[in-house]
Amino acid sequence: MLAPHHIVLISRALANMMICTIFLYLFNNYLVYWQDLPGTYNLLSHYEFLGLERLNNNLDNDQLIQGWIQLVLYLGVLFAGIGYALKTRSRTLLQDSIRYARLSAYIIRLSFWSVVLIGFIDMLISFLRIEDMLEFWVGEWLKQQLGRPIFRGTYVHYPLIMISAVLAARIRNISFSWLALMVVLAEFLIVISRFVFSYEQAYMGDVVRFWYAALFLFASAYTLVEEGHVRVDVIYAGFSRRTKAWVDTVGSVLLGIPICWVILMHGMGGRGNSINAPLLSFEVSQSGYGMYVNYIMAGFLVIFAVTMLIQFVSYLLFNIDVLSNRSDNPDKPGYRQLINLGNTG
């Protein structure tokens, strides 16, 4: 039987590898489908490793070199995750749980500011285009370019996301009630403009859907921390703390983490899959004068899966800490209190 300190070390190493793996998966997806690198799967298929079927078109020498560089890099990052767990073995599972929750919170804040800024700026551009005022402000050439989804995404949306990364690092106290308020105000504006002024445009409905989808998906990890998800509780409330920890651990391992991977692998497993296809083509709505944010909404699923997976790993470490301690102390802070204290500390 493993000693408690061995359980802690193994749990921390596996958690580090899981977090590294999810970001490596996203990075590999970018290199393969955006930069046309061969990727590790094609490299292994080229050599028919692990029983994979050989490629119809073999990789050339340059692609083989690129594939091996990718494979070595990915393996290096995974081993670095294990090495980091060994180097920082003095850390507790609770400390790592807080760190991962903070990482998830940062990604959510970045996404929050991104949808707020992109929503307002893209809506303004669409309004000026519809009212034929865009040329007056930016000139004929830029007006034409802003009508191209790839240009607007690259030179308007992406810079706003980078600005959001800075805001997310500096402003840590945000509330999704603000996003809910903006959805209500946007819908109220549609009602007033339609029934009072007989004015309605496609971008007005687009911004409501854009913000509402973000509210629903981005708040999921936050709601997990706050224990706000709907749960059909018949016998769970009567369990002891350790029994609850067992239930939560099994649920995270068998249900929570796998469903996040299913979303990512199903949506990003190929160039034409449901997440990759819109992102690669900068997909927009059929209304040419609506907002150009459909491809970003496909990316919302990535944010949902990544933040939920990180949060489940954080939740898992907390429960393993409960199980590794033989005493069942009812006065010990729960997961919600621990994370909230850690975020304010």
Foldseek 3Di string as FASTA:
>chain_A
DDALLVLFLVLQLVLLLVLLVLVLVVVQLCCCQVVVACEQVLLCLCVCPPVHDHDPDHDDPVSNVSNVVSVVVSVVSSVVSSVVSVVVSVDGLLVVLLVLLVVLLLLLQLVVQLLVQLLVVLLVLLVCVVVVNVCVPPNDVVNVQCLALVSCCVPPSVVSSVVSSVVSVVDRDDDLVVLVVVLVVLVVVQVCCCPPVVDDDQQSVVSSVSSVLSSVQSCPLVCVLVVNDDDDDDCLVVDALLVVLVVLLCCLVPPQLVVLVCLCCQQSVDCPRVLNVCLVRLDADPPSSYGSCPNVSSVSSNSNSSSSNSNSSSSNSQSSSCNSDPDRDPPPDDSNVSNVVSVVD
